[in-house]
Protein backbone atom coordinates (compact mmCIF):
# COMPACT_ATOMS: atom_id res chain seq x y z
CA MET A 1 43.92 65.98 213.32
CA LYS A 2 43.75 69.73 213.35
CA MET A 3 40.76 71.66 212.01
CA ASN A 4 41.19 75.10 210.46
CA MET A 5 39.08 78.04 211.68
CA GLN A 6 36.74 77.95 208.65
CA THR A 7 35.93 74.28 209.29
CA ILE A 8 35.29 74.97 212.97
CA GLY A 9 33.01 77.89 212.10
CA MET A 10 30.99 75.87 209.58
CA THR A 11 30.67 73.00 212.04
CA LEU A 12 29.50 75.35 214.78
CA VAL A 13 26.86 76.92 212.51
CA PHE A 14 25.60 73.47 211.49
CA ALA A 15 25.49 72.35 215.11
CA LEU A 16 23.63 75.49 216.16
CA THR A 17 21.11 74.88 213.40
CA LEU A 18 20.42 71.37 214.70
CA GLY A 19 20.20 72.61 218.27
CA VAL A 20 22.91 70.25 219.63
CA VAL A 21 25.40 72.83 220.95
CA GLU A 22 25.86 73.22 224.67
CA ILE A 23 27.63 76.33 225.96
CA THR A 24 29.53 75.66 229.18
CA ALA A 25 31.84 77.67 231.38
CA ALA A 26 34.71 75.85 229.75
CA GLY A 27 33.64 76.84 226.23
CA THR A 28 31.64 75.30 223.39
CA ASP A 29 31.07 71.57 223.26
CA ILE A 30 29.88 70.52 219.79
CA THR A 31 29.86 66.83 220.57
CA LYS A 32 27.26 66.61 223.33
CA PRO A 33 23.65 66.30 222.15
CA LYS A 34 21.13 68.58 223.79
CA GLY A 35 18.55 66.44 225.52
CA PRO A 36 14.81 67.22 225.69
CA THR A 37 13.57 69.49 228.46
CA ALA A 38 10.63 68.13 230.40
CA LYS A 39 7.66 70.45 230.53
CA GLY A 40 6.68 71.48 234.03
CA VAL A 41 3.16 70.92 235.28
CA ASP A 42 1.25 74.17 235.83
CA PRO A 43 -1.13 73.73 238.78
CA ASP A 44 -3.27 76.66 237.56
CA ILE A 45 -4.24 74.92 234.32
CA ILE A 46 -7.53 73.04 234.40
CA GLY A 47 -8.70 71.12 231.35
CA GLU A 48 -8.09 71.73 227.67
CA GLU A 49 -9.97 73.30 224.76
CA THR A 50 -9.57 74.31 221.13
CA ALA A 51 -9.63 78.03 220.46
CA VAL A 52 -12.58 79.47 218.58
CA LEU A 53 -11.14 81.70 215.83
CA ALA A 54 -12.98 84.33 213.82
CA GLN A 55 -12.35 86.30 210.64
CA ALA A 56 -12.71 90.07 210.51
CA PRO A 57 -14.91 91.90 211.23
CA GLN A 58 -16.26 89.21 213.56
CA VAL A 59 -14.68 88.21 216.88
CA PRO A 60 -15.02 85.02 218.95
CA PRO A 61 -17.42 85.14 221.91
CA PRO A 62 -16.17 86.35 225.31
CA VAL A 63 -14.37 83.85 227.53
CA LYS A 64 -16.79 82.69 230.21
CA ARG A 65 -14.34 80.49 232.13
CA THR A 66 -13.28 81.51 235.63
CA HIS A 67 -10.10 79.44 235.47
CA ALA A 68 -7.09 79.09 233.20
CA THR A 69 -6.92 76.19 230.76
CA LYS A 70 -4.77 74.78 228.01
CA VAL A 71 -5.88 76.29 224.70
CA ASN A 72 -4.92 74.73 221.38
CA VAL A 73 -4.53 77.29 218.61
CA LYS A 74 -3.79 76.25 215.04
CA ILE A 75 -3.38 78.72 212.19
CA GLU A 76 -2.55 77.87 208.60
CA VAL A 77 -0.47 80.21 206.46
CA ARG A 78 -1.72 80.57 202.90
CA GLU A 79 -0.46 82.66 200.00
CA VAL A 80 -3.62 83.57 198.08
CA VAL A 81 -4.72 85.95 195.31
CA LYS A 82 -7.59 88.10 196.56
CA LYS A 83 -9.31 91.33 195.64
CA MET A 84 -7.57 94.54 196.74
CA ALA A 85 -10.02 96.90 195.00
CA ASP A 86 -12.49 96.81 192.12
CA GLY A 87 -10.61 95.17 189.25
CA VAL A 88 -7.40 94.93 191.29
CA ASP A 89 -5.98 91.63 192.58
CA TYR A 90 -3.02 91.05 194.87
CA LEU A 91 -1.05 88.04 196.07
CA PHE A 92 -1.63 88.27 199.81
CA TRP A 93 0.34 86.26 202.36
CA THR A 94 -2.12 85.41 205.11
CA PHE A 95 -2.69 83.85 208.50
CA GLY A 96 -5.85 81.81 207.95
CA GLY A 97 -6.57 82.79 204.34
CA ASP A 98 -7.73 86.36 205.01
CA VAL A 99 -6.33 89.78 205.87
CA PRO A 100 -6.17 90.45 208.74
CA GLY A 101 -5.47 87.03 210.18
CA SER A 102 -7.82 85.10 212.44
CA PHE A 103 -8.83 86.84 215.69
CA ILE A 104 -7.59 84.77 218.66
CA ARG A 105 -9.31 85.15 222.05
CA ILE A 106 -7.93 83.61 225.24
CA ARG A 107 -7.82 84.37 228.99
CA GLU A 108 -5.05 85.68 231.19
CA GLY A 109 -3.17 82.70 232.66
CA ASP A 110 -4.05 80.29 229.84
CA LEU A 111 -1.40 77.92 228.52
CA VAL A 112 -1.46 78.19 224.74
CA GLU A 113 -0.20 75.37 222.55
CA PHE A 114 0.29 77.11 219.22
CA THR A 115 0.64 75.27 215.90
CA LEU A 116 1.63 77.14 212.74
CA ALA A 117 1.08 75.18 209.51
CA ASN A 118 2.48 76.47 206.21
CA HIS A 119 0.35 75.21 203.31
CA PRO A 120 2.24 73.12 200.71
CA SER A 121 1.29 75.59 197.97
CA SER A 122 3.24 78.39 199.67
CA LYS A 123 6.41 79.59 198.00
CA MET A 124 7.97 81.12 201.12
CA PRO A 125 8.79 80.02 204.67
CA HIS A 126 6.93 81.96 207.37
CA ASN A 127 6.76 82.28 211.14
CA ILE A 128 4.74 84.22 213.73
CA ASP A 129 5.61 86.85 216.32
CA LEU A 130 2.77 87.25 218.80
CA HIS A 131 3.20 90.38 220.89
CA ALA A 132 1.29 88.58 223.66
CA VAL A 133 4.17 86.10 224.09
CA THR A 134 6.89 86.49 226.69
CA GLY A 135 9.78 84.70 224.97
CA PRO A 136 12.38 85.14 222.21
CA GLY A 137 10.89 86.76 219.14
CA GLY A 138 7.38 86.43 220.50
CA GLY A 139 7.40 82.87 219.20
CA ALA A 140 9.17 83.69 215.95
CA ALA A 141 12.29 81.81 217.03
CA SER A 142 10.25 78.62 217.48
CA SER A 143 7.84 78.86 214.57
CA PHE A 144 9.97 79.25 211.42
CA THR A 145 8.08 76.92 209.07
CA ALA A 146 8.85 75.82 205.53
CA PRO A 147 6.07 75.19 202.98
CA GLY A 148 4.35 71.87 203.67
CA HIS A 149 5.50 71.78 207.29
CA SER A 150 4.11 72.77 210.69
CA SER A 151 5.73 73.98 213.90
CA GLN A 152 4.53 73.97 217.48
CA PHE A 153 5.46 75.88 220.64
CA SER A 154 3.74 76.79 223.89
CA PHE A 155 3.47 79.95 225.94
CA LYS A 156 1.64 81.18 229.00
CA ALA A 157 -0.53 84.29 228.58
CA LEU A 158 0.97 86.31 231.41
CA ASN A 159 -0.30 89.75 230.46
CA PRO A 160 -3.86 90.71 229.53
CA GLY A 161 -4.45 93.09 226.64
CA LEU A 162 -5.08 93.35 222.90
CA TYR A 163 -1.95 92.36 220.99
CA VAL A 164 -0.82 92.35 217.37
CA TYR A 165 0.73 89.28 215.83
CA HIS A 166 2.64 89.27 212.53
CA CYS A 167 5.16 87.36 210.47
CA ALA A 168 8.78 88.04 211.40
CA THR A 169 10.55 86.22 208.58
CA ALA A 170 13.06 88.31 206.64
CA PRO A 171 12.43 90.61 204.89
CA VAL A 172 9.97 91.41 207.68
CA PRO A 173 8.45 94.57 206.09
CA MET A 174 7.61 92.58 202.96
CA HIS A 175 5.89 89.76 204.87
CA VAL A 176 3.88 92.22 206.96
CA GLY A 177 3.28 94.43 203.93
CA ASN A 178 1.71 91.48 202.13
CA GLY A 179 -0.92 91.13 204.85
CA MET A 180 0.62 88.89 207.51
CA TYR A 181 -0.84 90.37 210.69
CA GLY A 182 -3.76 89.95 213.07
CA LEU A 183 -4.91 90.40 216.68
CA ILE A 184 -4.89 88.23 219.79
CA LEU A 185 -6.97 89.29 222.78
CA VAL A 186 -5.88 88.11 226.22
CA GLU A 187 -8.88 88.86 228.40
CA PRO A 188 -8.15 89.84 232.01
CA LYS A 189 -9.10 87.23 234.62
CA GLU A 190 -12.17 89.25 235.60
CA GLY A 191 -13.17 89.64 231.93
CA LEU A 192 -14.11 92.78 230.03
CA PRO A 193 -17.32 94.73 230.75
CA PRO A 194 -20.20 93.32 228.67
CA VAL A 195 -21.27 95.21 225.54
CA ASP A 196 -23.89 94.61 222.86
CA ARG A 197 -21.64 94.39 219.79
CA GLU A 198 -17.96 93.61 219.23
CA TYR A 199 -16.09 93.96 215.94
CA TYR A 200 -12.56 93.46 214.60
CA VAL A 201 -11.12 96.28 212.46
CA MET A 202 -7.47 96.29 211.40
CA GLN A 203 -5.67 98.79 209.21
CA GLY A 204 -2.75 98.06 206.89
CA ASP A 205 -0.71 99.88 204.26
CA PHE A 206 0.05 98.18 200.94
CA TYR A 207 2.66 98.98 198.30
CA THR A 208 1.84 97.96 194.73
CA THR A 209 3.76 98.44 191.52
CA GLY A 210 0.71 100.02 189.85
CA LYS A 211 -1.05 103.21 190.89
CA PHE A 212 -4.19 103.21 193.00
CA GLY A 213 -6.92 101.57 190.94
CA ALA A 214 -4.58 100.16 188.29
CA GLU A 215 -6.35 96.98 187.21
CA GLY A 216 -4.99 93.46 187.08
CA LEU A 217 -2.71 91.48 189.38
CA GLN A 218 -0.46 93.81 191.36
CA THR A 219 2.83 92.91 193.04
CA PHE A 220 4.74 94.27 196.02
CA ASP A 221 6.89 97.35 195.33
CA GLN A 222 9.96 97.29 197.56
CA GLU A 223 11.02 100.86 196.74
CA LYS A 224 7.63 102.32 197.70
CA ALA A 225 7.67 100.30 200.92
CA THR A 226 11.14 101.50 201.85
CA ASP A 227 10.11 105.10 201.16
CA GLU A 228 6.82 104.55 203.08
CA ARG A 229 4.67 105.65 200.12
CA PRO A 230 1.71 103.25 200.20
CA THR A 231 -0.58 102.86 197.21
CA TYR A 232 -3.41 101.61 199.42
CA VAL A 233 -4.29 102.13 203.07
CA VAL A 234 -7.23 99.90 203.93
CA PHE A 235 -9.30 98.35 206.69
CA ASN A 236 -9.54 94.56 206.77
CA GLY A 237 -7.42 93.91 203.73
CA ALA A 238 -9.26 95.60 200.85
CA VAL A 239 -10.88 98.77 199.60
CA GLY A 240 -14.56 98.51 200.48
CA ALA A 241 -14.15 95.62 202.96
CA LEU A 242 -16.44 97.44 205.43
CA VAL A 243 -18.89 99.28 203.16
CA GLY A 244 -22.30 98.60 201.65
CA ASP A 245 -23.55 95.13 202.49
CA LYS A 246 -20.22 94.43 204.25
CA ALA A 247 -20.69 97.26 206.76
CA ILE A 248 -20.78 96.45 210.47
CA THR A 249 -24.15 97.04 212.12
CA ALA A 250 -25.79 98.00 215.41
CA LYS A 251 -29.12 99.20 216.81
CA VAL A 252 -29.92 102.49 218.52
CA GLY A 253 -29.17 102.25 222.22
CA GLU A 254 -26.52 99.52 221.87
CA THR A 255 -22.91 99.81 223.02
CA VAL A 256 -20.32 98.92 220.39
CA ARG A 257 -16.77 97.80 221.14
CA LEU A 258 -14.20 97.90 218.35
CA TYR A 259 -10.96 95.97 218.61
CA VAL A 260 -8.74 98.14 216.42
CA GLY A 261 -5.35 97.02 215.17
CA ASN A 262 -2.71 98.48 212.90
CA GLY A 263 -0.57 95.98 211.04
CA GLY A 264 1.46 98.69 209.33
CA PRO A 265 4.11 97.91 208.35
CA ASN A 266 4.83 101.64 208.44
CA LEU A 267 1.99 104.12 209.02
CA LEU A 268 0.33 105.24 212.22
CA SER A 269 -3.47 105.32 212.17
CA SER A 270 -5.62 108.26 213.33
CA PHE A 271 -8.71 106.17 214.01
CA HIS A 272 -12.02 108.04 213.94
CA VAL A 273 -15.74 107.31 213.54
CA ILE A 274 -17.43 110.30 211.93
CA GLY A 275 -20.45 111.34 213.98
CA GLU A 276 -19.53 109.35 217.08
CA ILE A 277 -17.43 109.97 220.19
CA PHE A 278 -15.56 107.17 221.93
CA ASP A 279 -17.03 106.94 225.42
CA ARG A 280 -14.05 104.87 226.59
CA VAL A 281 -10.63 104.21 225.06
CA TYR A 282 -8.13 101.56 226.08
CA PRO A 283 -5.07 103.06 224.34
CA GLU A 284 -2.34 100.91 222.86
CA GLY A 285 -4.29 97.75 223.62
CA GLY A 286 -3.90 97.96 227.38
CA THR A 287 -6.55 96.97 229.91
CA LEU A 288 -7.12 100.35 231.59
CA VAL A 289 -9.60 102.94 230.36
CA ALA A 290 -7.15 105.82 230.13
CA GLN A 291 -9.42 108.30 228.33
CA LYS A 292 -13.10 109.07 227.96
CA ASN A 293 -14.99 111.18 225.40
CA VAL A 294 -12.33 110.86 222.70
CA GLN A 295 -12.78 112.02 219.11
CA THR A 296 -9.75 110.37 217.42
CA THR A 297 -7.24 107.93 218.85
CA LEU A 298 -3.77 107.09 217.55
CA VAL A 299 -3.01 103.45 216.82
CA PRO A 300 0.69 102.84 216.23
CA ALA A 301 2.07 100.47 213.63
CA GLY A 302 2.26 97.10 215.31
CA GLY A 303 -0.17 98.33 217.97
CA SER A 304 -3.83 98.37 218.86
CA ALA A 305 -6.61 100.12 220.77
CA ILE A 306 -10.01 99.22 222.16
CA VAL A 307 -12.78 101.79 221.76
CA GLU A 308 -16.34 101.69 223.09
CA PHE A 309 -19.31 103.93 222.38
CA LYS A 310 -23.08 103.89 222.64
CA VAL A 311 -24.99 104.63 219.45
CA GLU A 312 -27.79 107.11 220.14
CA VAL A 313 -29.26 107.79 216.70
CA PRO A 314 -29.74 105.84 213.46
CA GLY A 315 -27.77 106.37 210.28
CA THR A 316 -24.54 105.41 208.58
CA PHE A 317 -21.42 106.33 210.53
CA ILE A 318 -18.22 106.47 208.50
CA ILE A 319 -15.06 104.88 209.89
CA VAL A 320 -11.82 106.49 208.71
CA ASP A 321 -8.15 107.00 209.24
CA HIS A 322 -8.38 110.76 209.81
CA SER A 323 -5.27 111.26 207.72
CA LEU A 324 -7.97 111.96 205.21
CA SER A 325 -6.19 111.39 201.91
CA ARG A 326 -5.84 107.80 203.05
CA ALA A 327 -9.60 107.60 203.65
CA PHE A 328 -10.82 109.23 200.44
CA ASN A 329 -7.99 108.43 198.05
CA LYS A 330 -6.36 105.21 199.31
CA GLY A 331 -9.22 103.20 200.77
CA ALA A 332 -9.13 103.60 204.59
CA LEU A 333 -12.88 103.95 204.89
CA GLY A 334 -15.63 101.77 206.38
CA MET A 335 -19.20 102.02 207.63
CA LEU A 336 -21.19 101.34 210.78
CA LYS A 337 -24.90 101.16 209.91
CA VAL A 338 -27.19 101.85 212.87
CA ALA A 339 -30.90 101.01 212.70
CA GLY A 340 -33.65 102.22 214.99
CA PRO A 341 -35.90 105.14 215.86
CA GLU A 342 -34.87 108.78 215.52
CA ASN A 343 -33.90 110.68 218.66
CA LEU A 344 -34.52 114.32 217.82
CA LEU A 345 -33.24 115.45 221.22
CA VAL A 346 -29.82 114.10 220.30
CA TYR A 347 -29.70 114.92 216.61
CA SER A 348 -32.17 116.83 214.50
CA GLY A 349 -31.87 117.49 210.83
CA LYS A 350 -31.32 115.89 207.48
CA GLU A 351 -29.13 112.80 207.49
CA VAL A 352 -26.54 113.17 204.68
CA ASP A 353 -24.11 110.35 205.27
CA ALA A 354 -23.21 110.34 201.56
CA VAL A 355 -21.06 113.46 201.99
CA TYR A 356 -18.34 111.25 203.41
CA LEU A 357 -18.70 108.15 201.32
CA GLY A 358 -16.41 108.81 198.36
CA ARG A 359 -15.88 105.96 195.94
CA GLN A 360 -16.99 103.50 198.60
CA ALA A 361 -20.61 104.78 198.73
CA ALA A 362 -23.36 102.19 198.75
CA ALA A 363 -24.25 103.35 195.26
CA GLY A 364 -20.61 102.91 194.34
CA SER A 365 -20.66 99.39 195.74
CA GLU A 366 -23.65 98.51 193.57
CA SER A 367 -21.95 100.20 190.65
CA GLU A 368 -18.85 98.06 191.11
CA LYS A 369 -21.00 94.94 190.97
CA LYS A 370 -22.58 96.16 187.75
CA VAL A 371 -19.15 96.91 186.26
CA ALA A 372 -18.09 93.31 186.92
CA SER A 373 -21.29 92.03 185.32
CA LEU A 374 -20.88 94.24 182.26
CA GLN A 375 -17.24 93.26 181.85
CA ALA A 376 -18.29 89.60 181.86
CA GLN A 377 -20.91 90.39 179.21
CA MET A 378 -18.30 92.19 177.12
CA LYS A 379 -15.98 89.16 177.16
CA GLU A 380 -18.86 87.02 175.95
CA ALA A 381 -19.81 89.59 173.32
CA ILE A 382 -16.29 89.54 171.91
CA LYS A 383 -16.85 85.90 171.04
CA THR A 384 -20.26 86.30 169.43
CA ASP A 385 -21.34 89.69 168.10
CA PRO A 386 -20.44 93.39 167.78
CA ARG A 387 -22.20 94.61 170.95
CA ILE A 388 -18.76 95.41 172.36
CA ALA A 389 -18.89 99.16 171.75
CA SER A 390 -22.19 99.46 173.58
CA LEU A 391 -20.98 97.47 176.55
CA THR A 392 -17.77 99.51 176.70
CA LYS A 393 -19.83 102.68 177.03
CA GLU A 394 -21.98 101.11 179.75
CA ILE A 395 -18.86 100.14 181.66
CA GLN A 396 -17.57 103.70 181.34
CA VAL A 397 -20.87 105.00 182.72
CA GLU A 398 -20.71 102.71 185.75
CA LYS A 399 -17.05 103.49 186.45
CA GLY A 400 -17.77 107.18 185.96
CA LYS A 401 -20.52 106.94 188.55
CA GLN A 402 -17.93 105.81 191.08
CA VAL A 403 -15.70 108.81 190.25
CA PHE A 404 -18.70 111.14 190.48
CA MET A 405 -19.57 109.78 193.95
CA GLN A 406 -16.00 110.35 195.07
CA THR A 407 -15.27 113.73 193.55
CA CYS A 408 -18.24 115.62 192.14
CA PHE A 409 -21.53 114.99 193.87
CA VAL A 410 -20.96 117.16 196.96
CA CYS A 411 -21.21 120.23 194.72
CA HIS A 412 -23.37 118.99 191.85
CA GLN A 413 -25.58 116.86 194.14
CA ILE A 414 -26.45 113.19 193.75
CA ASP A 415 -29.26 113.99 191.29
CA GLY A 416 -27.13 116.38 189.23
CA GLN A 417 -29.29 119.41 190.11
CA GLY A 418 -26.44 121.52 191.52
CA ILE A 419 -27.12 124.28 194.06
CA PRO A 420 -29.52 127.07 193.01
CA SER A 421 -27.78 130.36 192.16
CA GLN A 422 -24.40 128.88 193.07
CA ILE A 423 -23.49 125.70 191.21
CA PRO A 424 -25.01 124.99 187.78
CA PRO A 425 -26.95 121.77 187.20
CA LEU A 426 -25.66 118.87 185.18
CA ALA A 427 -29.19 117.52 184.75
CA LYS A 428 -30.53 118.20 181.23
CA SER A 429 -27.73 120.75 180.85
CA ASP A 430 -27.62 122.51 177.48
CA PHE A 431 -24.19 123.92 178.36
CA LEU A 432 -22.71 120.50 179.19
CA MET A 433 -24.08 118.79 176.10
CA ALA A 434 -23.30 121.55 173.57
CA GLU A 435 -19.53 120.96 173.35
CA LYS A 436 -17.89 117.76 174.52
CA GLU A 437 -14.32 119.10 174.26
CA ARG A 438 -15.25 122.20 176.27
CA ALA A 439 -16.44 119.94 179.07
CA VAL A 440 -13.13 118.08 179.04
CA ARG A 441 -11.19 121.37 179.18
CA ILE A 442 -13.25 122.63 182.12
CA VAL A 443 -12.52 119.47 184.09
CA LEU A 444 -8.80 119.70 183.25
CA GLN A 445 -8.34 123.47 183.56
CA GLY A 446 -11.19 124.65 185.77
CA GLN A 447 -13.73 127.39 185.07
CA THR A 448 -14.05 130.95 186.38
CA GLY A 449 -16.58 133.61 185.46
CA GLU A 450 -20.13 133.91 184.24
CA LEU A 451 -21.86 131.22 182.20
CA THR A 452 -25.47 130.42 181.31
CA VAL A 453 -26.98 127.00 181.88
CA ASN A 454 -30.58 126.24 180.91
CA GLY A 455 -31.29 129.96 180.66
CA LYS A 456 -29.94 130.84 184.13
CA LYS A 457 -26.72 132.72 184.84
CA PHE A 458 -24.06 131.42 187.23
CA ASN A 459 -20.88 133.16 188.28
CA GLY A 460 -18.43 131.11 190.28
CA THR A 461 -15.27 129.05 190.20
CA MET A 462 -14.68 125.36 189.55
CA ILE A 463 -11.19 124.20 190.48
CA PRO A 464 -9.29 122.11 187.93
CA LEU A 465 -9.40 118.36 188.49
CA ASN A 466 -6.27 117.65 186.47
CA TYR A 467 -4.93 115.40 189.23
CA LEU A 468 -7.47 112.78 188.12
CA PRO A 469 -6.17 110.14 185.69
CA ASP A 470 -7.27 110.45 182.06
CA GLU A 471 -9.41 107.32 182.39
CA ASP A 472 -11.31 108.74 185.40
CA ILE A 473 -12.02 112.00 183.56
CA ALA A 474 -13.23 110.15 180.45
CA ASN A 475 -15.45 107.90 182.57
CA VAL A 476 -17.01 110.60 184.74
CA LEU A 477 -17.81 112.79 181.72
CA THR A 478 -19.32 109.81 179.94
CA TYR A 479 -21.42 109.21 183.07
CA VAL A 480 -22.75 112.78 183.39
CA ARG A 481 -23.35 113.05 179.63
CA ASN A 482 -25.53 109.93 179.86
CA SER A 483 -27.29 110.54 183.19
CA PHE A 484 -29.70 113.04 184.76
CA GLY A 485 -31.77 113.24 181.57
CA ASN A 486 -28.70 113.70 179.31
CA SER A 487 -27.94 111.46 176.35
CA GLY A 488 -24.68 111.68 174.44
CA ASP A 489 -21.70 109.82 173.11
CA SER A 490 -18.85 108.63 175.29
CA VAL A 491 -15.64 110.51 176.04
CA SER A 492 -12.55 108.50 175.26
CA VAL A 493 -9.25 108.38 177.12
CA THR A 494 -7.55 109.38 173.87
CA GLU A 495 -9.63 112.59 173.68
CA VAL A 496 -8.77 113.52 177.26
CA ARG A 497 -5.09 112.79 176.71
CA ARG A 498 -5.01 114.97 173.58
CA ILE A 499 -6.76 117.89 175.24
CA ARG A 500 -4.52 117.62 178.29
CA SER A 501 -1.44 117.81 176.03
CA GLU A 502 -2.84 120.95 174.35
CA ALA A 503 -3.35 122.76 177.66
CA PRO A 504 -1.58 126.15 177.78
CA PRO A 505 1.37 126.43 180.16
CA PRO A 506 0.62 127.91 183.59
CA PRO A 507 0.93 131.71 183.80
CA ALA A 508 4.32 133.15 184.64
CA ASN A 509 4.97 134.06 188.26
CA PRO A 510 4.95 137.91 188.38
CA PHE A 511 7.17 137.83 191.46
CA GLU A 512 10.02 136.04 189.72
């Protein structure tokens, strides 16, 4: 009986899917089953152990073995809703329940038996491409796993280094863009030089349908991802994941090693620690110290770096992607808090770490907690009594404090006192409190020329902040009008929107 070409093609595809096709010199035999391949015995492998995994920013302890062994690694894929920023949730796809995925630490020469389990609650199939694997797809070809199933494959860790792993299921940018990435460290046989502290920091860019800070559950925006216009650029999966009480820590005199990864899916990272210099850099995750005394190191998408430095003085050191709009406007900002005695021979002067903190300042972190508490109170108040208006104002004040810490306090100072003879105070300001609408217009349109505040004259320029959303302007003005000894009513989003719409058009270009 003859088979037409379409039938042959469909049969071949089905046979390939089942793995029963054998290609021979004579052609394709679709009738012969492919038998199992016996695993060879590796004489270098001694014993067996289960890998110790860790979630960022922690890492597993160094490998103390002096021989290779069989290491069992099991990671579960979970699709979970987690916090992206204050008031913002996102459906992350994860290796191990967090972003980035679990840190895996093994030794050069180890035989890794890797199991990928896809939780039954998942809606999508997933797989894993480990850049440390020598083999098709880095393991992706062997680990495609449907929800409620698990897959297993083995590989030998031939090359030492710090490697990215990520999902490689189509559409790959979407899977990676939803948080499916992590790091695997293959220690060289001789190990890495000992240090006092090790941490795991991994950057990623996220593409949400809403703008930065838009509250509620956000979803992946394919168009933004294709155009490489991320809404968020963050360390360790969320805005504020490394600030306040979540900051990494060290003591004066200790040497810190950071395992830095960049999941992408698109952006390069200009990794920098403000106020520190990297004593040694292992670029692109290799095992050679290629540079010393480095200020900023590039970490490519799908790549990594290892940086080491000794901390000489106490204080809060700010970790950023030095593409600074990402740090101060999209979330790529963290902290290293160093405790210990001052060393005036190294650094003398007033510590002002807050200059770099933006919305993620420690005060901002506390403010975010208070916002959540007040919002919970407001929901309860809706059910019982008319305290809602009061709570709404309190929430505005706390949110406005966050905007103030990000945008205003460098000039007006954290206590609202301004700078004598240069920048007028907001504290107990007769000028600020006299006309609410004038304050809104100054924020939207800027201010140039002489003005009198609390009996003192000031003559300078304030640039317009009309790039801020209406809600941010309403909140920050409500904050300053109810802080620093001021007491006033709130500024509403509706008022800001109306005044913005009444703004005069920009002046004509005299050169046109």
